[in-house]
Protein backbone atom coordinates (compact mmCIF):
# COMPACT_ATOMS: atom_id res chain seq x y z
CA MET A 1 0.00 0.00 0.00
CA PRO A 2 1.46 3.40 -0.91
CA MET A 3 2.68 5.53 1.97
CA THR A 4 1.81 8.75 0.15
CA ASN A 5 -0.55 9.71 -2.65
CA GLU A 6 1.00 12.98 -3.79
CA GLN A 7 4.75 13.05 -3.15
CA ARG A 8 6.97 11.49 -5.81
CA TYR A 9 10.62 10.68 -5.26
CA THR A 10 13.66 9.87 -7.33
CA ALA A 11 15.90 6.97 -6.37
CA GLU A 12 18.46 9.45 -5.06
CA GLN A 13 15.86 11.14 -2.81
CA PHE A 14 14.52 7.76 -1.69
CA TYR A 15 17.93 6.67 -0.41
CA LYS A 16 18.25 9.86 1.64
CA LEU A 17 15.02 9.16 3.56
CA ASP A 18 15.18 7.54 6.99
CA LEU A 19 12.61 4.81 6.41
CA GLN A 20 12.12 2.41 9.32
CA GLU A 21 10.28 -0.34 7.46
CA PRO A 22 11.23 -2.07 4.20
CA CYS A 23 9.84 -0.05 1.29
CA GLU A 24 10.03 -0.04 -2.46
CA LEU A 25 9.91 2.91 -4.81
CA ILE A 26 7.50 2.20 -7.65
CA ASN A 27 7.36 4.88 -10.34
CA GLY A 28 8.30 7.49 -7.76
CA ILE A 29 5.78 6.38 -5.12
CA ILE A 30 6.97 4.84 -1.84
CA VAL A 31 5.29 1.49 -1.16
CA ASP A 32 5.43 -0.09 2.31
CA MET A 33 6.27 -3.82 2.22
CA SER A 34 5.05 -4.75 5.71
CA PRO A 35 3.95 -7.05 7.25
CA SER A 36 6.76 -9.59 7.20
CA PRO A 37 6.26 -12.72 5.06
CA ASN A 38 4.92 -15.89 6.63
CA ILE A 39 6.95 -19.04 7.31
CA LYS A 40 5.87 -20.89 4.13
CA HIS A 41 6.95 -17.89 2.06
CA GLN A 42 10.32 -17.77 3.79
CA ARG A 43 10.81 -21.54 3.53
CA ILE A 44 10.21 -21.41 -0.22
CA SER A 45 12.52 -18.42 -0.57
CA ALA A 46 15.37 -20.05 1.33
CA ARG A 47 15.12 -23.42 -0.40
CA VAL A 48 14.77 -22.03 -3.92
CA THR A 49 17.68 -19.63 -3.31
CA ASN A 50 19.87 -22.46 -2.01
CA PHE A 51 18.91 -24.76 -4.89
CA ILE A 52 19.78 -22.14 -7.52
CA THR A 53 23.00 -21.18 -5.73
CA ASN A 54 24.12 -24.82 -5.56
CA TYR A 55 23.37 -25.27 -9.27
CA ILE A 56 25.35 -22.17 -10.26
CA ASN A 57 28.30 -23.15 -8.04
CA LYS A 58 28.31 -26.75 -9.31
CA ASN A 59 28.35 -25.51 -12.91
CA LYS A 60 30.88 -22.75 -12.20
CA GLY A 61 28.42 -20.14 -13.46
CA LYS A 62 29.10 -16.42 -13.48
CA CYS A 63 25.65 -15.39 -12.26
CA GLU A 64 24.82 -14.68 -8.61
CA VAL A 65 21.65 -15.28 -6.61
CA PHE A 66 20.35 -12.72 -4.13
CA ASN A 67 17.25 -12.57 -1.98
CA ALA A 68 15.30 -9.96 -0.06
CA PRO A 69 16.13 -7.48 1.23
CA THR A 70 18.52 -6.71 -1.64
CA ASP A 71 17.58 -3.62 -3.64
CA VAL A 72 17.30 -3.55 -7.41
CA LYS A 73 17.27 -0.11 -9.00
CA LEU A 74 15.39 -0.60 -12.26
CA ASN A 75 15.53 3.10 -13.18
CA ASP A 76 15.69 6.58 -11.64
CA ASP A 77 12.26 6.29 -9.98
CA THR A 78 11.90 2.57 -9.31
CA ILE A 79 13.67 0.50 -6.67
CA VAL A 80 12.28 -2.96 -5.94
CA ILE A 81 13.16 -5.68 -3.47
CA PRO A 82 12.47 -8.99 -5.23
CA ASP A 83 12.17 -12.11 -3.12
CA ILE A 84 14.90 -13.74 -5.26
CA PHE A 85 16.86 -12.58 -8.28
CA VAL A 86 19.65 -13.90 -10.45
CA ALA A 87 22.05 -11.34 -11.89
CA CYS A 88 24.69 -12.15 -14.49
CA LYS A 89 26.38 -8.75 -14.80
CA PRO A 90 28.62 -8.23 -11.75
CA GLU A 91 29.54 -4.75 -12.97
CA ASN A 92 25.93 -3.64 -12.24
CA PHE A 93 26.43 -3.98 -8.47
CA ASP A 94 27.47 -1.13 -6.24
CA GLU A 95 27.81 -1.29 -2.45
CA GLN A 96 24.06 -1.06 -1.86
CA LYS A 97 22.15 -2.45 -4.83
CA TYR A 98 21.94 -3.97 -8.28
CA ASN A 99 21.53 -1.34 -10.99
CA GLY A 100 19.42 -2.44 -13.96
CA ALA A 101 17.30 -5.45 -14.78
CA PRO A 102 18.40 -8.81 -13.37
CA ASP A 103 18.20 -11.74 -15.77
CA TRP A 104 15.67 -13.64 -13.64
CA ILE A 105 13.35 -12.48 -10.86
CA ILE A 106 11.21 -14.64 -8.59
CA GLU A 107 8.44 -13.16 -6.45
CA ILE A 108 6.67 -15.28 -3.85
CA VAL A 109 3.11 -14.09 -3.40
CA SER A 110 1.97 -13.01 0.05
CA PRO A 111 -1.69 -12.24 0.73
CA ASN A 112 -0.89 -8.54 1.17
CA ASN A 113 1.09 -8.17 -2.08
CA SER A 114 -0.56 -10.38 -4.68
CA GLU A 115 -1.78 -7.50 -6.86
CA ARG A 116 1.68 -5.96 -6.93
CA ASP A 117 3.31 -9.24 -8.01
CA TYR A 118 0.65 -10.20 -10.57
CA LYS A 119 0.11 -6.76 -12.12
CA ASP A 120 2.43 -3.93 -11.12
CA LYS A 121 5.71 -5.81 -11.01
CA LEU A 122 4.79 -7.87 -14.05
CA LEU A 123 4.85 -4.72 -16.17
CA LEU A 124 7.78 -3.13 -14.35
CA TYR A 125 9.97 -6.16 -14.91
CA LYS A 126 8.95 -6.58 -18.54
CA ASN A 127 9.57 -2.92 -19.34
CA ALA A 128 12.91 -2.93 -17.48
CA GLY A 129 14.28 -5.82 -19.54
CA VAL A 130 14.05 -8.78 -17.14
CA LYS A 131 14.31 -11.94 -19.26
CA GLU A 132 12.46 -14.36 -16.97
CA TYR A 133 9.93 -13.65 -14.20
CA TRP A 134 8.44 -16.29 -11.93
CA ILE A 135 5.50 -15.78 -9.61
CA ILE A 136 5.35 -18.50 -6.97
CA ASP A 137 1.91 -18.61 -5.34
CA PRO A 138 2.00 -20.69 -2.10
CA THR A 139 -1.72 -20.27 -1.43
CA ASN A 140 -2.67 -21.95 -4.71
CA ASP A 141 0.45 -24.14 -5.12
CA LYS A 142 1.17 -22.75 -8.57
CA VAL A 143 3.99 -21.07 -10.44
CA ILE A 144 3.54 -18.69 -13.35
CA VAL A 145 6.55 -18.19 -15.62
CA TYR A 146 6.88 -15.22 -17.95
CA LEU A 147 9.63 -15.43 -20.57
CA TYR A 148 9.99 -11.86 -21.77
CA GLY A 149 13.00 -12.57 -23.94
CA LYS A 150 11.04 -15.22 -25.85
CA SER A 151 8.12 -13.36 -27.40
CA ASN A 152 6.40 -12.98 -24.03
CA ILE A 153 5.74 -16.67 -23.42
CA LEU A 154 3.49 -17.38 -20.42
CA GLU A 155 3.50 -20.81 -18.75
CA PHE A 156 1.55 -22.22 -15.79
CA TYR A 157 2.80 -24.94 -13.45
CA SER A 158 1.77 -26.65 -10.23
CA PHE A 159 4.17 -27.13 -7.33
CA ASP A 160 4.48 -30.80 -8.44
CA ASP A 161 5.75 -29.90 -11.92
CA GLU A 162 9.42 -29.81 -12.81
CA ILE A 163 10.12 -26.39 -14.31
CA THR A 164 13.09 -25.87 -16.60
CA VAL A 165 14.71 -22.49 -16.04
CA ASP A 166 14.99 -20.74 -19.40
CA LEU A 167 18.22 -18.99 -18.40
CA TYR A 168 19.93 -22.39 -18.03
CA LYS A 169 17.98 -24.57 -20.46
CA ASP A 170 20.86 -24.87 -22.93
CA ASN A 171 23.39 -26.05 -20.34
CA ALA A 172 24.62 -29.65 -20.52
CA GLU A 173 22.60 -30.17 -17.34
CA PRO A 174 19.69 -27.69 -17.40
CA LEU A 175 18.40 -26.23 -14.15
CA LYS A 176 15.05 -27.80 -13.26
CA ILE A 177 13.07 -26.86 -10.18
CA CYS A 178 10.18 -28.71 -8.53
CA ILE A 179 8.81 -26.66 -5.62
CA SER A 180 7.16 -29.70 -3.96
CA ASP A 181 10.50 -31.54 -3.90
CA LEU A 182 12.18 -28.57 -2.25
CA LEU A 183 9.50 -28.40 0.45
CA GLN A 184 9.85 -32.05 1.52
């Protein structure tokens, strides 16, 4: 929910504010991210992050995996905090954030942020140049995958499905994720 209806900020102004709670800057508007995610959300986040990290390390990949609360500055008026993101351009990091569109973003839906993940961030990420965007929905045990770099392909999966990550599909051993397996 936006903290203000009128005031718009740049990324530079946003970072000068003394905000006590995690917030994002969406098209110049500050958006409060509270309350904290529930345990299922955090369990999925931790296990998916670890699984991707292990895959990248095993394959000696150049990309890195980060999770919330790591900032991503998409442009001069938008700073988001994705649940998980994979970035393959180390030169885009500074001491505080990733600058630009990560290659792959994963959002895990919480009851208080579903509209943001399904609508607002969907467009933000597409317009910023994110190649692959996953929405993991723990309430409905489903995953929606948007492949922006591939003519805007949209795919639907259940937690029981094995999902091939487009970013790594051409590797000798592609990255495949089954959420149900990670939760066992």
